[in-house]
C-alpha atoms as a PDB file:
ATOM      1  CA  MET A   1     115.024 -35.319  73.921  1.00  0.00           C
ATOM      2  CA  PRO A   2     113.357 -37.182  71.029  1.00  0.00           C
ATOM      3  CA  ARG A   3     112.560 -35.529  67.732  1.00  0.00           C
ATOM      4  CA  SER A   4     108.935 -34.625  67.093  1.00  0.00           C
ATOM      5  CA  LYS A   5     106.757 -35.899  64.246  1.00  0.00           C
ATOM      6  CA  ILE A   6     104.859 -32.604  64.239  1.00  0.00           C
ATOM      7  CA  GLU A   7     105.907 -30.862  61.038  1.00  0.00           C
ATOM      8  CA  TRP A   8     106.326 -27.320  62.382  1.00  0.00           C
ATOM      9  CA  THR A   9     108.538 -28.084  65.371  1.00  0.00           C
ATOM     10  CA  ASP A  10     111.789 -29.912  66.071  1.00  0.00           C
ATOM     11  CA  TYR A  11     111.027 -31.292  69.540  1.00  0.00           C
ATOM     12  CA  THR A  12     108.095 -31.619  71.921  1.00  0.00           C
ATOM     13  CA  ILE A  13     108.185 -31.642  75.696  1.00  0.00           C
ATOM     14  CA  ASN A  14     105.344 -32.402  78.082  1.00  0.00           C
ATOM     15  CA  PRO A  15     106.137 -31.235  81.606  1.00  0.00           C
ATOM     16  CA  ILE A  16     102.490 -31.721  82.613  1.00  0.00           C
ATOM     17  CA  LYS A  17     101.315 -35.311  82.537  1.00  0.00           C
ATOM     18  CA  GLY A  18      97.757 -36.609  82.799  1.00  0.00           C
ATOM     19  CA  LYS A  19      94.549 -36.727  80.838  1.00  0.00           C
ATOM     20  CA  CYS A  20      93.713 -33.373  79.264  1.00  0.00           C
ATOM     21  CA  PRO A  21      90.386 -32.011  80.611  1.00  0.00           C
ATOM     22  CA  VAL A  22      89.567 -30.241  77.325  1.00  0.00           C
ATOM     23  CA  ALA A  23      88.604 -33.717  76.084  1.00  0.00           C
ATOM     24  CA  CYS A  24      88.512 -33.105  72.325  1.00  0.00           C
ATOM     25  CA  SER A  25      86.858 -36.079  70.661  1.00  0.00           C
ATOM     26  CA  TYR A  26      89.772 -36.429  68.212  1.00  0.00           C
ATOM     27  CA  CYS A  27      92.532 -36.151  70.847  1.00  0.00           C
ATOM     28  CA  TYR A  28      95.138 -38.872  70.263  1.00  0.00           C
ATOM     29  CA  ALA A  29      96.747 -38.361  73.688  1.00  0.00           C
ATOM     30  CA  ARG A  30      93.591 -39.203  75.644  1.00  0.00           C
ATOM     31  CA  LYS A  31      93.186 -42.372  73.595  1.00  0.00           C
ATOM     32  CA  MET A  32      96.741 -43.385  74.490  1.00  0.00           C
ATOM     33  CA  TYR A  33      96.019 -42.864  78.191  1.00  0.00           C
ATOM     34  CA  ASP A  34      92.989 -45.147  77.864  1.00  0.00           C
ATOM     35  CA  ARG A  35      94.749 -47.764  75.749  1.00  0.00           C
ATOM     36  CA  PHE A  36      97.859 -48.111  77.894  1.00  0.00           C
ATOM     37  CA  LYS A  37      96.067 -47.412  81.200  1.00  0.00           C
ATOM     38  CA  TRP A  38      98.428 -44.561  82.048  1.00  0.00           C
ATOM     39  CA  ASN A  39      97.912 -42.539  85.210  1.00  0.00           C
ATOM     40  CA  PRO A  40      95.266 -39.907  84.273  1.00  0.00           C
ATOM     41  CA  GLU A  41      96.070 -37.639  87.236  1.00  0.00           C
ATOM     42  CA  ILE A  42      97.260 -34.166  86.192  1.00  0.00           C
ATOM     43  CA  ARG A  43     100.739 -33.672  87.641  1.00  0.00           C
ATOM     44  CA  PHE A  44     104.041 -31.920  87.060  1.00  0.00           C
ATOM     45  CA  ASP A  45     106.969 -33.910  85.653  1.00  0.00           C
ATOM     46  CA  GLY A  46     110.269 -32.104  86.114  1.00  0.00           C
ATOM     47  CA  ASN A  47     112.105 -34.839  84.205  1.00  0.00           C
ATOM     48  CA  ALA A  48     110.689 -33.380  80.988  1.00  0.00           C
ATOM     49  CA  LEU A  49     112.690 -30.200  81.541  1.00  0.00           C
ATOM     50  CA  VAL A  50     116.141 -31.723  81.150  1.00  0.00           C
ATOM     51  CA  ASP A  51     118.402 -32.788  78.272  1.00  0.00           C
ATOM     52  CA  PHE A  52     117.707 -29.844  76.010  1.00  0.00           C
ATOM     53  CA  PRO A  53     119.511 -29.845  72.649  1.00  0.00           C
ATOM     54  CA  ILE A  54     122.634 -27.741  72.282  1.00  0.00           C
ATOM     55  CA  LYS A  55     121.822 -26.321  68.859  1.00  0.00           C
ATOM     56  CA  PRO A  56     119.031 -23.724  68.532  1.00  0.00           C
ATOM     57  CA  SER A  57     115.773 -25.596  68.018  1.00  0.00           C
ATOM     58  CA  ARG A  58     112.013 -25.135  67.946  1.00  0.00           C
ATOM     59  CA  ILE A  59     110.442 -26.763  71.002  1.00  0.00           C
ATOM     60  CA  PHE A  60     106.688 -27.262  71.298  1.00  0.00           C
ATOM     61  CA  VAL A  61     105.701 -27.194  74.965  1.00  0.00           C
ATOM     62  CA  GLY A  62     102.626 -29.186  75.938  1.00  0.00           C
ATOM     63  CA  SER A  63     101.648 -31.274  72.926  1.00  0.00           C
ATOM     64  CA  THR A  64      99.468 -33.617  75.026  1.00  0.00           C
ATOM     65  CA  MET A  65      98.075 -31.209  77.624  1.00  0.00           C
ATOM     66  CA  GLU A  66      96.357 -27.830  77.658  1.00  0.00           C
ATOM     67  CA  LEU A  67      98.856 -25.731  79.626  1.00  0.00           C
ATOM     68  CA  PHE A  68      96.736 -22.606  79.946  1.00  0.00           C
ATOM     69  CA  GLY A  69      93.760 -24.215  81.658  1.00  0.00           C
ATOM     70  CA  ASP A  70      92.715 -23.338  85.198  1.00  0.00           C
ATOM     71  CA  TRP A  71      93.717 -26.847  86.302  1.00  0.00           C
ATOM     72  CA  ILE A  72      97.432 -26.028  85.927  1.00  0.00           C
ATOM     73  CA  LYS A  73      98.990 -24.909  89.210  1.00  0.00           C
ATOM     74  CA  PRO A  74     100.752 -21.503  89.139  1.00  0.00           C
ATOM     75  CA  ALA A  75     103.947 -23.045  90.512  1.00  0.00           C
ATOM     76  CA  TRP A  76     104.064 -25.436  87.547  1.00  0.00           C
ATOM     77  CA  MET A  77     103.601 -22.644  85.021  1.00  0.00           C
ATOM     78  CA  GLU A  78     106.303 -20.605  86.756  1.00  0.00           C
ATOM     79  CA  GLN A  79     108.811 -23.345  86.022  1.00  0.00           C
ATOM     80  CA  ILE A  80     107.561 -23.785  82.454  1.00  0.00           C
ATOM     81  CA  MET A  81     107.657 -20.075  81.658  1.00  0.00           C
ATOM     82  CA  ALA A  82     111.220 -19.895  82.994  1.00  0.00           C
ATOM     83  CA  LEU A  83     112.377 -22.066  80.079  1.00  0.00           C
ATOM     84  CA  PRO A  84     112.608 -19.256  77.486  1.00  0.00           C
ATOM     85  CA  HIS A  85     114.779 -17.258  79.881  1.00  0.00           C
ATOM     86  CA  ASN A  86     116.968 -20.221  80.805  1.00  0.00           C
ATOM     87  CA  PHE A  87     117.441 -21.365  77.192  1.00  0.00           C
ATOM     88  CA  PRO A  88     117.465 -18.186  75.066  1.00  0.00           C
ATOM     89  CA  GLN A  89     118.977 -20.034  72.074  1.00  0.00           C
ATOM     90  CA  HIS A  90     115.774 -22.047  71.581  1.00  0.00           C
ATOM     91  CA  THR A  91     112.331 -21.064  70.310  1.00  0.00           C
ATOM     92  CA  PHE A  92     109.500 -22.210  72.576  1.00  0.00           C
ATOM     93  CA  ILE A  93     106.110 -22.745  70.940  1.00  0.00           C
ATOM     94  CA  PHE A  94     102.898 -22.556  72.948  1.00  0.00           C
ATOM     95  CA  LEU A  95      99.483 -23.468  71.491  1.00  0.00           C
ATOM     96  CA  THR A  96      96.250 -23.203  73.454  1.00  0.00           C
ATOM     97  CA  LYS A  97      92.488 -23.646  73.333  1.00  0.00           C
ATOM     98  CA  GLN A  98      92.167 -21.488  76.456  1.00  0.00           C
ATOM     99  CA  PRO A  99      93.183 -18.116  74.988  1.00  0.00           C
ATOM    100  CA  GLN A 100      91.472 -16.095  77.716  1.00  0.00           C
ATOM    101  CA  ASN A 101      94.313 -17.051  80.071  1.00  0.00           C
ATOM    102  CA  LEU A 102      97.209 -15.960  77.841  1.00  0.00           C
ATOM    103  CA  ILE A 103      97.079 -12.438  79.241  1.00  0.00           C
ATOM    104  CA  LYS A 104      98.297 -13.762  82.600  1.00  0.00           C
ATOM    105  CA  PHE A 105     101.710 -14.509  81.052  1.00  0.00           C
ATOM    106  CA  SER A 106     102.100 -11.468  78.817  1.00  0.00           C
ATOM    107  CA  PRO A 107     104.519 -10.100  77.811  1.00  0.00           C
ATOM    108  CA  PHE A 108     106.064 -13.327  76.528  1.00  0.00           C
ATOM    109  CA  PRO A 109     109.835 -13.505  75.969  1.00  0.00           C
ATOM    110  CA  ASP A 110     110.993 -12.820  72.414  1.00  0.00           C
ATOM    111  CA  ASN A 111     111.899 -16.473  71.860  1.00  0.00           C
ATOM    112  CA  CYS A 112     108.285 -17.569  72.310  1.00  0.00           C
ATOM    113  CA  TRP A 113     105.740 -18.271  69.586  1.00  0.00           C
ATOM    114  CA  VAL A 114     102.223 -18.026  70.994  1.00  0.00           C
ATOM    115  CA  GLY A 115      99.295 -19.552  69.133  1.00  0.00           C
ATOM    116  CA  VAL A 116      95.609 -20.310  69.525  1.00  0.00           C
ATOM    117  CA  THR A 117      93.739 -23.238  67.987  1.00  0.00           C
ATOM    118  CA  ALA A 118      90.575 -22.164  66.154  1.00  0.00           C
ATOM    119  CA  THR A 119      88.523 -25.051  64.803  1.00  0.00           C
ATOM    120  CA  ASN A 120      85.309 -23.043  64.342  1.00  0.00           C
ATOM    121  CA  ASN A 121      84.006 -19.476  64.190  1.00  0.00           C
ATOM    122  CA  GLN A 122      83.527 -19.039  67.929  1.00  0.00           C
ATOM    123  CA  ALA A 123      87.065 -20.199  68.664  1.00  0.00           C
ATOM    124  CA  TYR A 124      88.414 -17.905  65.926  1.00  0.00           C
ATOM    125  CA  ARG A 125      86.712 -14.847  67.425  1.00  0.00           C
ATOM    126  CA  GLU A 126      88.090 -15.715  70.860  1.00  0.00           C
ATOM    127  CA  ALA A 127      91.564 -16.227  69.381  1.00  0.00           C
ATOM    128  CA  ILE A 128      91.615 -12.804  67.727  1.00  0.00           C
ATOM    129  CA  VAL A 129      90.500 -11.041  70.899  1.00  0.00           C
ATOM    130  CA  ALA A 130      93.059 -12.839  73.071  1.00  0.00           C
ATOM    131  CA  LEU A 131      96.004 -12.412  70.688  1.00  0.00           C
ATOM    132  CA  ALA A 132      95.233  -8.711  70.287  1.00  0.00           C
ATOM    133  CA  HIS A 133      95.698  -8.187  74.014  1.00  0.00           C
ATOM    134  CA  ILE A 134      99.004  -9.976  74.553  1.00  0.00           C
ATOM    135  CA  GLU A 135     102.598  -9.130  73.725  1.00  0.00           C
ATOM    136  CA  ALA A 136     104.538 -11.805  71.834  1.00  0.00           C
ATOM    137  CA  LYS A 137     107.046 -11.546  69.020  1.00  0.00           C
ATOM    138  CA  ILE A 138     105.283 -14.284  67.029  1.00  0.00           C
ATOM    139  CA  LYS A 139     101.521 -14.808  67.247  1.00  0.00           C
ATOM    140  CA  PHE A 140      99.765 -17.466  65.201  1.00  0.00           C
ATOM    141  CA  ILE A 141      96.449 -19.210  64.657  1.00  0.00           C
ATOM    142  CA  SER A 142      96.134 -22.929  64.035  1.00  0.00           C
ATOM    143  CA  PHE A 143      93.045 -23.879  62.043  1.00  0.00           C
ATOM    144  CA  GLU A 144      93.622 -27.543  62.772  1.00  0.00           C
ATOM    145  CA  PRO A 145      91.392 -29.331  62.557  1.00  0.00           C
ATOM    146  CA  LEU A 146      89.371 -26.982  60.367  1.00  0.00           C
ATOM    147  CA  LEU A 147      85.821 -28.098  61.148  1.00  0.00           C
ATOM    148  CA  GLU A 148      83.665 -25.402  59.573  1.00  0.00           C
ATOM    149  CA  ASN A 149      83.745 -22.454  57.206  1.00  0.00           C
ATOM    150  CA  ILE A 150      85.351 -19.712  59.263  1.00  0.00           C
ATOM    151  CA  LYS A 151      84.217 -16.241  58.268  1.00  0.00           C
ATOM    152  CA  ILE A 152      87.381 -14.201  57.794  1.00  0.00           C
ATOM    153  CA  ALA A 153      86.943 -10.797  56.196  1.00  0.00           C
ATOM    154  CA  ALA A 154      90.610  -9.983  56.805  1.00  0.00           C
ATOM    155  CA  LEU A 155      93.403 -11.313  58.984  1.00  0.00           C
ATOM    156  CA  ASN A 156      94.737  -8.873  61.533  1.00  0.00           C
ATOM    157  CA  SER A 157      98.213  -7.482  61.049  1.00  0.00           C
ATOM    158  CA  PHE A 158      99.358  -8.762  64.442  1.00  0.00           C
ATOM    159  CA  ILE A 159      99.040 -12.386  63.236  1.00  0.00           C
ATOM    160  CA  ASN A 160     102.433 -13.649  62.022  1.00  0.00           C
ATOM    161  CA  TRP A 161     101.516 -17.027  60.568  1.00  0.00           C
ATOM    162  CA  VAL A 162      98.678 -19.470  60.062  1.00  0.00           C
ATOM    163  CA  ILE A 163      98.395 -23.259  60.144  1.00  0.00           C
ATOM    164  CA  ILE A 164      95.602 -25.149  58.366  1.00  0.00           C
ATOM    165  CA  GLY A 165      94.983 -28.871  58.750  1.00  0.00           C
ATOM    166  CA  ALA A 166      92.411 -31.630  58.500  1.00  0.00           C
ATOM    167  CA  CYS A 167      91.004 -33.775  61.285  1.00  0.00           C
ATOM    168  CA  THR A 168      92.603 -37.170  61.818  1.00  0.00           C
ATOM    169  CA  GLY A 169      91.660 -39.911  64.227  1.00  0.00           C
ATOM    170  CA  GLN A 170      89.938 -43.231  64.655  1.00  0.00           C
ATOM    171  CA  PRO A 171      87.109 -43.971  62.182  1.00  0.00           C
ATOM    172  CA  LYS A 172      84.456 -44.346  64.893  1.00  0.00           C
ATOM    173  CA  GLU A 173      85.240 -40.985  66.489  1.00  0.00           C
ATOM    174  CA  LEU A 174      85.508 -39.244  63.116  1.00  0.00           C
ATOM    175  CA  MET A 175      82.126 -40.533  61.984  1.00  0.00           C
ATOM    176  CA  GLU A 176      80.580 -39.240  65.215  1.00  0.00           C
ATOM    177  CA  LEU A 177      82.265 -35.890  64.668  1.00  0.00           C
ATOM    178  CA  GLN A 178      80.916 -35.729  61.124  1.00  0.00           C
ATOM    179  CA  LYS A 179      77.368 -35.870  62.501  1.00  0.00           C
ATOM    180  CA  GLN A 180      78.132 -32.564  64.228  1.00  0.00           C
ATOM    181  CA  TYR A 181      79.932 -31.148  61.172  1.00  0.00           C
ATOM    182  CA  PRO A 182      78.223 -32.759  58.153  1.00  0.00           C
ATOM    183  CA  ASP A 183      80.087 -30.645  55.595  1.00  0.00           C
ATOM    184  CA  LEU A 184      83.346 -32.433  56.391  1.00  0.00           C
ATOM    185  CA  GLU A 185      84.352 -35.048  53.833  1.00  0.00           C
ATOM    186  CA  PRO A 186      85.838 -38.435  54.858  1.00  0.00           C
ATOM    187  CA  MET A 187      88.984 -39.170  52.837  1.00  0.00           C
ATOM    188  CA  ARG A 188      91.762 -41.702  53.160  1.00  0.00           C
ATOM    189  CA  TYR A 189      95.291 -40.440  53.817  1.00  0.00           C
ATOM    190  CA  GLY A 190      97.522 -43.482  53.487  1.00  0.00           C
ATOM    191  CA  LYS A 191      96.216 -45.950  56.063  1.00  0.00           C
ATOM    192  CA  LYS A 192      94.515 -43.205  58.050  1.00  0.00           C
ATOM    193  CA  LEU A 193      91.054 -41.736  57.744  1.00  0.00           C
ATOM    194  CA  THR A 194      90.661 -37.961  57.716  1.00  0.00           C
ATOM    195  CA  LEU A 195      87.772 -35.538  57.748  1.00  0.00           C
ATOM    196  CA  GLN A 196      88.631 -32.950  55.121  1.00  0.00           C
ATOM    197  CA  PRO A 197      87.309 -29.392  55.101  1.00  0.00           C
ATOM    198  CA  GLN A 198      85.804 -27.944  51.947  1.00  0.00           C
ATOM    199  CA  LEU A 199      88.423 -26.592  49.554  1.00  0.00           C
ATOM    200  CA  GLU A 200      86.621 -23.253  49.540  1.00  0.00           C
ATOM    201  CA  TRP A 201      87.141 -22.917  53.316  1.00  0.00           C
ATOM    202  CA  VAL A 202      90.870 -23.401  52.907  1.00  0.00           C
ATOM    203  CA  ARG A 203      91.007 -21.054  49.928  1.00  0.00           C
ATOM    204  CA  GLU A 204      89.289 -18.231  51.835  1.00  0.00           C
ATOM    205  CA  ILE A 205      91.756 -18.424  54.717  1.00  0.00           C
ATOM    206  CA  VAL A 206      94.717 -18.579  52.356  1.00  0.00           C
ATOM    207  CA  GLU A 207      93.483 -15.591  50.363  1.00  0.00           C
ATOM    208  CA  ALA A 208      92.978 -13.560  53.549  1.00  0.00           C
ATOM    209  CA  ALA A 209      96.506 -14.459  54.646  1.00  0.00           C
ATOM    210  CA  ASP A 210      97.885 -13.619  51.214  1.00  0.00           C
ATOM    211  CA  LYS A 211      96.331 -10.155  51.303  1.00  0.00           C
ATOM    212  CA  ALA A 212      97.894  -9.552  54.712  1.00  0.00           C
ATOM    213  CA  GLY A 213     101.284 -10.997  53.685  1.00  0.00           C
ATOM    214  CA  ILE A 214     101.011 -13.761  56.281  1.00  0.00           C
ATOM    215  CA  PRO A 215     102.737 -17.133  55.590  1.00  0.00           C
ATOM    216  CA  VAL A 216     100.426 -20.151  55.550  1.00  0.00           C
ATOM    217  CA  PHE A 217     101.452 -23.637  56.607  1.00  0.00           C
ATOM    218  CA  LEU A 218      99.267 -26.349  55.059  1.00  0.00           C
ATOM    219  CA  LYS A 219      99.569 -29.600  56.983  1.00  0.00           C
ATOM    220  CA  ASP A 220     100.332 -32.655  54.886  1.00  0.00           C
ATOM    221  CA  ASN A 221      97.104 -34.253  56.120  1.00  0.00           C
ATOM    222  CA  LEU A 222      95.378 -31.901  53.628  1.00  0.00           C
ATOM    223  CA  LEU A 223      97.002 -33.687  50.682  1.00  0.00           C
ATOM    224  CA  PRO A 224      93.899 -35.808  49.910  1.00  0.00           C
ATOM    225  CA  LEU A 225      92.016 -32.547  49.437  1.00  0.00           C
ATOM    226  CA  LEU A 226      94.741 -30.729  47.513  1.00  0.00           C
ATOM    227  CA  GLY A 227      95.570 -33.351  44.930  1.00  0.00           C
ATOM    228  CA  GLY A 228      97.054 -36.420  46.479  1.00  0.00           C
ATOM    229  CA  TYR A 229     100.315 -38.052  47.398  1.00  0.00           C
ATOM    230  CA  PRO A 230     103.264 -38.233  46.854  1.00  0.00           C
ATOM    231  CA  ILE A 231     104.291 -34.615  46.574  1.00  0.00           C
ATOM    232  CA  PRO A 232     105.481 -33.862  43.030  1.00  0.00           C
ATOM    233  CA  LYS A 233     108.589 -31.851  42.249  1.00  0.00           C
ATOM    234  CA  MET A 234     106.535 -28.760  41.465  1.00  0.00           C
ATOM    235  CA  ILE A 235     102.829 -28.091  41.534  1.00  0.00           C
ATOM    236  CA  THR A 236     100.846 -24.888  41.317  1.00  0.00           C
ATOM    237  CA  THR A 237      97.478 -24.803  43.021  1.00  0.00           C
ATOM    238  CA  LYS A 238      95.752 -21.771  41.557  1.00  0.00           C
ATOM    239  CA  ASP A 239      92.592 -22.400  43.556  1.00  0.00           C
ATOM    240  CA  LEU A 240      94.567 -21.668  46.710  1.00  0.00           C
ATOM    241  CA  THR A 241      96.512 -18.707  45.268  1.00  0.00           C
ATOM    242  CA  GLN A 242      99.560 -20.553  46.611  1.00  0.00           C
ATOM    243  CA  TYR A 243     102.648 -22.221  45.248  1.00  0.00           C
ATOM    244  CA  MET A 244     103.718 -25.518  46.755  1.00  0.00           C
ATOM    245  CA  ILE A 245     107.305 -26.377  45.938  1.00  0.00           C
ATOM    246  CA  GLY A 246     109.130 -29.615  46.588  1.00  0.00           C
ATOM    247  CA  ILE A 247     112.862 -29.263  47.114  1.00  0.00           C
ATOM    248  CA  LYS A 248     115.273 -32.178  47.407  1.00  0.00           C
ATOM    249  CA  PRO A 249     117.061 -32.822  49.649  1.00  0.00           C
ATOM    250  CA  ALA A 250     115.210 -31.524  52.683  1.00  0.00           C
ATOM    251  CA  ASN A 251     117.818 -30.398  55.167  1.00  0.00           C
ATOM    252  CA  THR A 252     118.369 -27.648  57.704  1.00  0.00           C
ATOM    253  CA  LYS A 253     120.378 -25.528  55.292  1.00  0.00           C
ATOM    254  CA  ASP A 254     117.479 -25.518  52.846  1.00  0.00           C
ATOM    255  CA  LEU A 255     115.078 -24.388  55.529  1.00  0.00           C
ATOM    256  CA  ARG A 256     117.237 -21.392  56.394  1.00  0.00           C
ATOM    257  CA  LEU A 257     116.911 -20.155  52.816  1.00  0.00           C
ATOM    258  CA  MET A 258     113.177 -19.744  53.234  1.00  0.00           C
ATOM    259  CA  PRO A 259     112.527 -16.701  55.415  1.00  0.00           C
ATOM    260  CA  ASN A 260     109.046 -16.065  54.029  1.00  0.00           C
ATOM    261  CA  ALA A 261     107.600 -19.538  54.360  1.00  0.00           C
ATOM    262  CA  LEU A 262     107.034 -22.296  56.836  1.00  0.00           C
ATOM    263  CA  ALA A 263     108.477 -25.542  55.566  1.00  0.00           C
ATOM    264  CA  ASN A 264     106.815 -28.925  55.844  1.00  0.00           C
ATOM    265  CA  ILE A 265     109.401 -31.695  55.659  1.00  0.00           C
ATOM    266  CA  HIS A 266     108.044 -34.903  54.177  1.00  0.00           C
ATOM    267  CA  GLU A 267     110.544 -37.669  53.462  1.00  0.00           C
ATOM    268  CA  SER A 268     113.092 -36.200  51.008  1.00  0.00           C
ATOM    269  CA  TYR A 269     111.038 -33.195  49.982  1.00  0.00           C
ATOM    270  CA  VAL A 270     110.065 -29.889  51.498  1.00  0.00           C
ATOM    271  CA  LEU A 271     106.492 -28.733  50.985  1.00  0.00           C
ATOM    272  CA  LEU A 272     106.267 -24.943  51.007  1.00  0.00           C
ATOM    273  CA  CYS A 273     103.195 -22.800  51.069  1.00  0.00           C
ATOM    274  CA  ILE A 274     104.135 -19.287  50.062  1.00  0.00           C
ATOM    275  CA  PRO A 275     101.767 -16.405  49.319  1.00  0.00           C
ATOM    276  CA  LYS A 276     102.154 -15.370  45.675  1.00  0.00           C
ATOM    277  CA  SER A 277     102.986 -11.866  46.835  1.00  0.00           C
ATOM    278  CA  GLN A 278     106.111 -13.233  48.548  1.00  0.00           C
ATOM    279  CA  MET A 279     107.139 -15.703  45.849  1.00  0.00           C
ATOM    280  CA  LYS A 280     109.527 -13.395  43.977  1.00  0.00           C
ATOM    281  CA  LYS A 281     111.446 -12.463  47.112  1.00  0.00           C
ATOM    282  CA  TRP A 282     111.747 -16.137  48.113  1.00  0.00           C
ATOM    283  CA  GLU A 283     113.164 -17.004  44.662  1.00  0.00           C
ATOM    284  CA  GLN A 284     115.695 -14.162  44.984  1.00  0.00           C
ATOM    285  CA  ASP A 285     116.716 -15.380  48.446  1.00  0.00           C
ATOM    286  CA  VAL A 286     117.313 -18.905  47.147  1.00  0.00           C
ATOM    287  CA  ASP A 287     119.168 -17.705  44.031  1.00  0.00           C
ATOM    288  CA  SER A 288     121.474 -15.559  46.155  1.00  0.00           C
ATOM    289  CA  HIS A 289     122.690 -18.739  47.880  1.00  0.00           C
END
């Protein structure tokens, strides 16, 4: 099982192959199907459910396909949802844009993290409603890509963590997307082009999370917006009411010292986004080791 490049997981598995019907304009997987002329038919691939790692790991299930769509056969989902029971040492992460169907699989096993992608206000409202009605030990919202200013008066206490990220993709598709969301700002991130949200949009989500004591994970594709690259040893971003701390070296032991934050490994550093209200406890945890 190959390691994943997605910052918040260790591995990804895709037991459902084919071209995702959600058809997001920025979807990298659909572009790969077109480029390499892969079979677009939606089908189950049992070979993806073998060779699991021995050590406890975070496994993102369905990175290239929407698993909770009506096009997924119940027999396929039965095999997928058996994974948390068959491999209790691992954490299985599910992320959907079809939150209305999550209730069909609730309650989720304790080793499942269940999230909903909310790129705009309508998706955010649907995410909150769906997550409120399911049972899962960890519930999260991914504001990636953050396409508009999402009106958040307060984050609900049943949300355990939040992801925020920019939109990445091919220049042509991004420029078309910007016509729909003109407040997004094109910025270079290395050799890639991104559409960055307004800093104020990010700040409002972070402040709402901070008030609720919810950890925030800022994707590294936000770096053009937050002050650039490479990540310095220590920076304080007061506008976000967050501390971002680079720790070297970035290894598994380091990550286990950070119970109140989600860590973003980038080369030899770890980028942390910790609510100020939790900063003191994190420092005490690290000092105790």
